Amino acid sequence: MEAEKWGRRIRAYRKLKGFTQESFAKELGISVSILGEIERGNRMPDESLIGKIAGFLDVSIEELTPQ
């Protein structure tokens, strides 16, 4: 359930900032399939990846954290 919430928030912010999955995955240095798994809630991003995601999306980790 927690991974699902992370995935939804990451997807929403990615779209809000105008990134495609392909361009965002490339910025993060991960494959599109891994990003897709994260956004679908099948994989939990680790702490270092969460930091990179927040940085590229220009949001704080707190904003990205599911409530």
PDB file of N, CA and C in Angstrom:
ATOM      1  N   MET A   1       0.827  -1.200   0.000  1.00  0.00           N
ATOM      2  CA  MET A   1       0.000   0.000   0.000  1.00  0.00           C
ATOM      3  C   MET A   1       0.869   1.260   0.000  1.00  0.00           C
ATOM      4  N   GLU A   2       1.920   1.258   0.789  1.00  0.00           N
ATOM      5  CA  GLU A   2       2.807   2.417   0.860  1.00  0.00           C
ATOM      6  C   GLU A   2       3.461   2.693  -0.491  1.00  0.00           C
ATOM      7  N   ALA A   3       3.895   1.640  -1.170  1.00  0.00           N
ATOM      8  CA  ALA A   3       4.527   1.810  -2.481  1.00  0.00           C
ATOM      9  C   ALA A   3       3.539   2.406  -3.477  1.00  0.00           C
ATOM     10  N   GLU A   4       2.267   2.024  -3.380  1.00  0.00           N
ATOM     11  CA  GLU A   4       1.237   2.577  -4.262  1.00  0.00           C
ATOM     12  C   GLU A   4       1.104   4.080  -4.076  1.00  0.00           C
ATOM     13  N   LYS A   5       1.099   4.523  -2.830  1.00  0.00           N
ATOM     14  CA  LYS A   5       0.969   5.952  -2.532  1.00  0.00           C
ATOM     15  C   LYS A   5       2.170   6.725  -3.066  1.00  0.00           C
ATOM     16  N   TRP A   6       3.372   6.185  -2.875  1.00  0.00           N
ATOM     17  CA  TRP A   6       4.570   6.829  -3.420  1.00  0.00           C
ATOM     18  C   TRP A   6       4.453   6.937  -4.938  1.00  0.00           C
ATOM     19  N   GLY A   7       4.064   5.841  -5.559  1.00  0.00           N
ATOM     20  CA  GLY A   7       3.953   5.809  -7.015  1.00  0.00           C
ATOM     21  C   GLY A   7       2.992   6.839  -7.559  1.00  0.00           C
ATOM     22  N   ARG A   8       1.830   6.958  -6.923  1.00  0.00           N
ATOM     23  CA  ARG A   8       0.834   7.938  -7.379  1.00  0.00           C
ATOM     24  C   ARG A   8       1.360   9.357  -7.262  1.00  0.00           C
ATOM     25  N   ARG A   9       2.037   9.646  -6.167  1.00  0.00           N
ATOM     26  CA  ARG A   9       2.547  11.008  -5.965  1.00  0.00           C
ATOM     27  C   ARG A   9       3.679  11.316  -6.947  1.00  0.00           C
ATOM     28  N   ILE A  10       4.567  10.365  -7.142  1.00  0.00           N
ATOM     29  CA  ILE A  10       5.671  10.571  -8.080  1.00  0.00           C
ATOM     30  C   ILE A  10       5.112  10.805  -9.485  1.00  0.00           C
ATOM     31  N   ARG A  11       4.157   9.981  -9.908  1.00  0.00           N
ATOM     32  CA  ARG A  11       3.548  10.131 -11.231  1.00  0.00           C
ATOM     33  C   ARG A  11       2.875  11.498 -11.368  1.00  0.00           C
ATOM     34  N   ALA A  12       2.130  11.904 -10.351  1.00  0.00           N
ATOM     35  CA  ALA A  12       1.416  13.180 -10.412  1.00  0.00           C
ATOM     36  C   ALA A  12       2.393  14.352 -10.543  1.00  0.00           C
ATOM     37  N   TYR A  13       3.443  14.366  -9.730  1.00  0.00           N
ATOM     38  CA  TYR A  13       4.420  15.447  -9.810  1.00  0.00           C
ATOM     39  C   TYR A  13       5.194  15.404 -11.127  1.00  0.00           C
ATOM     40  N   ARG A  14       5.513  14.199 -11.604  1.00  0.00           N
ATOM     41  CA  ARG A  14       6.231  14.083 -12.884  1.00  0.00           C
ATOM     42  C   ARG A  14       5.407  14.700 -14.003  1.00  0.00           C
ATOM     43  N   LYS A  15       4.130  14.363 -14.050  1.00  0.00           N
ATOM     44  CA  LYS A  15       3.261  14.901 -15.094  1.00  0.00           C
ATOM     45  C   LYS A  15       3.076  16.404 -14.937  1.00  0.00           C
ATOM     46  N   LEU A  16       2.930  16.851 -13.703  1.00  0.00           N
ATOM     47  CA  LEU A  16       2.770  18.277 -13.426  1.00  0.00           C
ATOM     48  C   LEU A  16       3.972  19.074 -13.936  1.00  0.00           C
ATOM     49  N   LYS A  17       5.158  18.495 -13.823  1.00  0.00           N
ATOM     50  CA  LYS A  17       6.384  19.183 -14.254  1.00  0.00           C
ATOM     51  C   LYS A  17       6.686  18.965 -15.736  1.00  0.00           C
ATOM     52  N   GLY A  18       5.843  18.188 -16.422  1.00  0.00           N
ATOM     53  CA  GLY A  18       5.976  18.031 -17.864  1.00  0.00           C
ATOM     54  C   GLY A  18       6.963  16.978 -18.339  1.00  0.00           C
ATOM     55  N   PHE A  19       7.362  16.068 -17.463  1.00  0.00           N
ATOM     56  CA  PHE A  19       8.269  14.990 -17.859  1.00  0.00           C
ATOM     57  C   PHE A  19       7.483  13.805 -18.411  1.00  0.00           C
ATOM     58  N   THR A  20       8.007  13.173 -19.458  1.00  0.00           N
ATOM     59  CA  THR A  20       7.487  11.870 -19.867  1.00  0.00           C
ATOM     60  C   THR A  20       8.186  10.833 -19.004  1.00  0.00           C
ATOM     61  N   GLN A  21       7.667   9.612 -18.997  1.00  0.00           N
ATOM     62  CA  GLN A  21       8.356   8.554 -18.257  1.00  0.00           C
ATOM     63  C   GLN A  21       9.760   8.361 -18.811  1.00  0.00           C
ATOM     64  N   GLU A  22       9.886   8.407 -20.125  1.00  0.00           N
ATOM     65  CA  GLU A  22      11.184   8.175 -20.760  1.00  0.00           C
ATOM     66  C   GLU A  22      12.198   9.252 -20.370  1.00  0.00           C
ATOM     67  N   SER A  23      11.792  10.517 -20.463  1.00  0.00           N
ATOM     68  CA  SER A  23      12.734  11.586 -20.145  1.00  0.00           C
ATOM     69  C   SER A  23      13.085  11.608 -18.658  1.00  0.00           C
ATOM     70  N   PHE A  24      12.099  11.320 -17.812  1.00  0.00           N
ATOM     71  CA  PHE A  24      12.351  11.341 -16.373  1.00  0.00           C
ATOM     72  C   PHE A  24      13.257  10.190 -15.955  1.00  0.00           C
ATOM     73  N   ALA A  25      13.002   9.010 -16.505  1.00  0.00           N
ATOM     74  CA  ALA A  25      13.849   7.855 -16.189  1.00  0.00           C
ATOM     75  C   ALA A  25      15.291   8.131 -16.613  1.00  0.00           C
ATOM     76  N   LYS A  26      15.461   8.754 -17.772  1.00  0.00           N
ATOM     77  CA  LYS A  26      16.811   9.076 -18.256  1.00  0.00           C
ATOM     78  C   LYS A  26      17.507  10.051 -17.304  1.00  0.00           C
ATOM     79  N   GLU A  27      16.798  11.072 -16.841  1.00  0.00           N
ATOM     80  CA  GLU A  27      17.362  12.038 -15.875  1.00  0.00           C
ATOM     81  C   GLU A  27      17.805  11.337 -14.586  1.00  0.00           C
ATOM     82  N   LEU A  28      17.004  10.361 -14.156  1.00  0.00           N
ATOM     83  CA  LEU A  28      17.294   9.656 -12.907  1.00  0.00           C
ATOM     84  C   LEU A  28      18.354   8.572 -13.070  1.00  0.00           C
ATOM     85  N   GLY A  29      18.624   8.184 -14.316  1.00  0.00           N
ATOM     86  CA  GLY A  29      19.597   7.118 -14.551  1.00  0.00           C
ATOM     87  C   GLY A  29      19.043   5.737 -14.263  1.00  0.00           C
ATOM     88  N   ILE A  30      17.721   5.576 -14.449  1.00  0.00           N
ATOM     89  CA  ILE A  30      17.079   4.270 -14.266  1.00  0.00           C
ATOM     90  C   ILE A  30      16.321   3.929 -15.546  1.00  0.00           C
ATOM     91  N   SER A  31      15.913   2.678 -15.668  1.00  0.00           N
ATOM     92  CA  SER A  31      15.172   2.271 -16.853  1.00  0.00           C
ATOM     93  C   SER A  31      13.717   2.711 -16.736  1.00  0.00           C
ATOM     94  N   VAL A  32      13.078   2.836 -17.891  1.00  0.00           N
ATOM     95  CA  VAL A  32      11.663   3.186 -17.924  1.00  0.00           C
ATOM     96  C   VAL A  32      10.848   2.114 -17.207  1.00  0.00           C
ATOM     97  N   SER A  33      11.252   0.861 -17.340  1.00  0.00           N
ATOM     98  CA  SER A  33      10.492  -0.212 -16.687  1.00  0.00           C
ATOM     99  C   SER A  33      10.551  -0.092 -15.166  1.00  0.00           C
ATOM    100  N   ILE A  34      11.692   0.304 -14.622  1.00  0.00           N
ATOM    101  CA  ILE A  34      11.791   0.495 -13.169  1.00  0.00           C
ATOM    102  C   ILE A  34      10.909   1.664 -12.735  1.00  0.00           C
ATOM    103  N   LEU A  35      10.959   2.769 -13.483  1.00  0.00           N
ATOM    104  CA  LEU A  35      10.098   3.905 -13.148  1.00  0.00           C
ATOM    105  C   LEU A  35       8.629   3.502 -13.228  1.00  0.00           C
ATOM    106  N   GLY A  36       8.272   2.726 -14.238  1.00  0.00           N
ATOM    107  CA  GLY A  36       6.900   2.257 -14.367  1.00  0.00           C
ATOM    108  C   GLY A  36       6.477   1.407 -13.183  1.00  0.00           C
ATOM    109  N   GLU A  37       7.363   0.533 -12.732  1.00  0.00           N
ATOM    110  CA  GLU A  37       7.062  -0.299 -11.561  1.00  0.00           C
ATOM    111  C   GLU A  37       6.844   0.560 -10.326  1.00  0.00           C
ATOM    112  N   ILE A  38       7.670   1.587 -10.159  1.00  0.00           N
ATOM    113  CA  ILE A  38       7.525   2.490  -9.017  1.00  0.00           C
ATOM    114  C   ILE A  38       6.192   3.219  -9.100  1.00  0.00           C
ATOM    115  N   GLU A  39       5.878   3.770 -10.271  1.00  0.00           N
ATOM    116  CA  GLU A  39       4.645   4.540 -10.421  1.00  0.00           C
ATOM    117  C   GLU A  39       3.395   3.673 -10.274  1.00  0.00           C
ATOM    118  N   ARG A  40       3.478   2.407 -10.630  1.00  0.00           N
ATOM    119  CA  ARG A  40       2.331   1.499 -10.465  1.00  0.00           C
ATOM    120  C   ARG A  40       2.228   0.960  -9.039  1.00  0.00           C
ATOM    121  N   GLY A  41       3.237   1.216  -8.219  1.00  0.00           N
ATOM    122  CA  GLY A  41       3.209   0.745  -6.840  1.00  0.00           C
ATOM    123  C   GLY A  41       3.723  -0.663  -6.662  1.00  0.00           C
ATOM    124  N   ASN A  42       4.419  -1.186  -7.674  1.00  0.00           N
ATOM    125  CA  ASN A  42       4.977  -2.535  -7.576  1.00  0.00           C
ATOM    126  C   ASN A  42       6.383  -2.547  -6.995  1.00  0.00           C
ATOM    127  N   ARG A  43       6.979  -1.379  -6.866  1.00  0.00           N
ATOM    128  CA  ARG A  43       8.345  -1.278  -6.342  1.00  0.00           C
ATOM    129  C   ARG A  43       8.447  -0.008  -5.510  1.00  0.00           C
ATOM    130  N   MET A  44       9.089  -0.134  -4.367  1.00  0.00           N
ATOM    131  CA  MET A  44       9.293   1.011  -3.476  1.00  0.00           C
ATOM    132  C   MET A  44      10.638   1.648  -3.813  1.00  0.00           C
ATOM    133  N   PRO A  45      10.672   2.959  -4.078  1.00  0.00           N
ATOM    134  CA  PRO A  45      11.962   3.606  -4.347  1.00  0.00           C
ATOM    135  C   PRO A  45      12.800   3.666  -3.076  1.00  0.00           C
ATOM    136  N   ASP A  46      14.126   3.477  -3.221  1.00  0.00           N
ATOM    137  CA  ASP A  46      14.969   3.577  -2.026  1.00  0.00           C
ATOM    138  C   ASP A  46      15.221   5.055  -1.708  1.00  0.00           C
ATOM    139  N   GLU A  47      15.824   5.294  -0.553  1.00  0.00           N
ATOM    140  CA  GLU A  47      16.005   6.664  -0.070  1.00  0.00           C
ATOM    141  C   GLU A  47      16.805   7.534  -1.027  1.00  0.00           C
ATOM    142  N   SER A  48      17.868   6.991  -1.609  1.00  0.00           N
ATOM    143  CA  SER A  48      18.689   7.802  -2.508  1.00  0.00           C
ATOM    144  C   SER A  48      17.911   8.171  -3.765  1.00  0.00           C
ATOM    145  N   LEU A  49      17.092   7.247  -4.262  1.00  0.00           N
ATOM    146  CA  LEU A  49      16.290   7.541  -5.445  1.00  0.00           C
ATOM    147  C   LEU A  49      15.203   8.567  -5.120  1.00  0.00           C
ATOM    148  N   ILE A  50      14.618   8.482  -3.946  1.00  0.00           N
ATOM    149  CA  ILE A  50      13.611   9.467  -3.533  1.00  0.00           C
ATOM    150  C   ILE A  50      14.234  10.862  -3.524  1.00  0.00           C
ATOM    151  N   GLY A  51      15.459  10.970  -3.034  1.00  0.00           N
ATOM    152  CA  GLY A  51      16.152  12.255  -3.030  1.00  0.00           C
ATOM    153  C   GLY A  51      16.387  12.784  -4.440  1.00  0.00           C
ATOM    154  N   LYS A  52      16.796  11.899  -5.356  1.00  0.00           N
ATOM    155  CA  LYS A  52      17.006  12.299  -6.748  1.00  0.00           C
ATOM    156  C   LYS A  52      15.696  12.732  -7.399  1.00  0.00           C
ATOM    157  N   ILE A  53      14.640  11.982  -7.139  1.00  0.00           N
ATOM    158  CA  ILE A  53      13.327  12.308  -7.706  1.00  0.00           C
ATOM    159  C   ILE A  53      12.882  13.687  -7.233  1.00  0.00           C
ATOM    160  N   ALA A  54      12.982  13.918  -5.937  1.00  0.00           N
ATOM    161  CA  ALA A  54      12.581  15.216  -5.383  1.00  0.00           C
ATOM    162  C   ALA A  54      13.411  16.338  -5.996  1.00  0.00           C
ATOM    163  N   GLY A  55      14.705  16.107  -6.157  1.00  0.00           N
ATOM    164  CA  GLY A  55      15.574  17.123  -6.738  1.00  0.00           C
ATOM    165  C   GLY A  55      15.203  17.467  -8.168  1.00  0.00           C
ATOM    166  N   PHE A  56      14.998  16.452  -8.997  1.00  0.00           N
ATOM    167  CA  PHE A  56      14.657  16.699 -10.401  1.00  0.00           C
ATOM    168  C   PHE A  56      13.269  17.322 -10.548  1.00  0.00           C
ATOM    169  N   LEU A  57      12.357  16.993  -9.630  1.00  0.00           N
ATOM    170  CA  LEU A  57      11.010  17.560  -9.693  1.00  0.00           C
ATOM    171  C   LEU A  57      10.933  18.916  -9.001  1.00  0.00           C
ATOM    172  N   ASP A  58      12.017  19.313  -8.348  1.00  0.00           N
ATOM    173  CA  ASP A  58      12.093  20.584  -7.632  1.00  0.00           C
ATOM    174  C   ASP A  58      11.004  20.688  -6.558  1.00  0.00           C
ATOM    175  N   VAL A  59      10.854  19.588  -5.796  1.00  0.00           N
ATOM    176  CA  VAL A  59       9.941  19.567  -4.649  1.00  0.00           C
ATOM    177  C   VAL A  59      10.720  19.005  -3.461  1.00  0.00           C
ATOM    178  N   SER A  60      10.242  19.286  -2.269  1.00  0.00           N
ATOM    179  CA  SER A  60      10.907  18.730  -1.090  1.00  0.00           C
ATOM    180  C   SER A  60      10.495  17.262  -0.928  1.00  0.00           C
ATOM    181  N   ILE A  61      11.307  16.530  -0.206  1.00  0.00           N
ATOM    182  CA  ILE A  61      10.966  15.133   0.081  1.00  0.00           C
ATOM    183  C   ILE A  61       9.656  15.082   0.871  1.00  0.00           C
ATOM    184  N   GLU A  62       9.435  16.067   1.726  1.00  0.00           N
ATOM    185  CA  GLU A  62       8.203  16.109   2.504  1.00  0.00           C
ATOM    186  C   GLU A  62       6.980  16.261   1.603  1.00  0.00           C
ATOM    187  N   GLU A  63       7.099  17.072   0.531  1.00  0.00           N
ATOM    188  CA  GLU A  63       5.978  17.236  -0.405  1.00  0.00           C
ATOM    189  C   GLU A  63       5.699  15.933  -1.146  1.00  0.00           C
ATOM    190  N   LEU A  64       6.754  15.190  -1.403  1.00  0.00           N
ATOM    191  CA  LEU A  64       6.635  13.945  -2.161  1.00  0.00           C
ATOM    192  C   LEU A  64       6.120  12.809  -1.276  1.00  0.00           C
ATOM    193  N   THR A  65       6.357  12.892   0.024  1.00  0.00           N
ATOM    194  CA  THR A  65       5.981  11.829   0.958  1.00  0.00           C
ATOM    195  C   THR A  65       4.479  11.686   1.069  1.00  0.00           C
ATOM    196  N   PRO A  66       3.970  10.459   0.891  1.00  0.00           N
ATOM    197  CA  PRO A  66       2.513  10.249   1.027  1.00  0.00           C
ATOM    198  C   PRO A  66       2.036  10.566   2.444  1.00  0.00           C
ATOM    199  N   GLN A  67       0.846  11.088   2.530  1.00  0.00           N
ATOM    200  CA  GLN A  67       0.258  11.427   3.831  1.00  0.00           C
ATOM    201  C   GLN A  67      -0.381  10.217   4.453  1.00  0.00           C
TER     202      GLN A  67
END
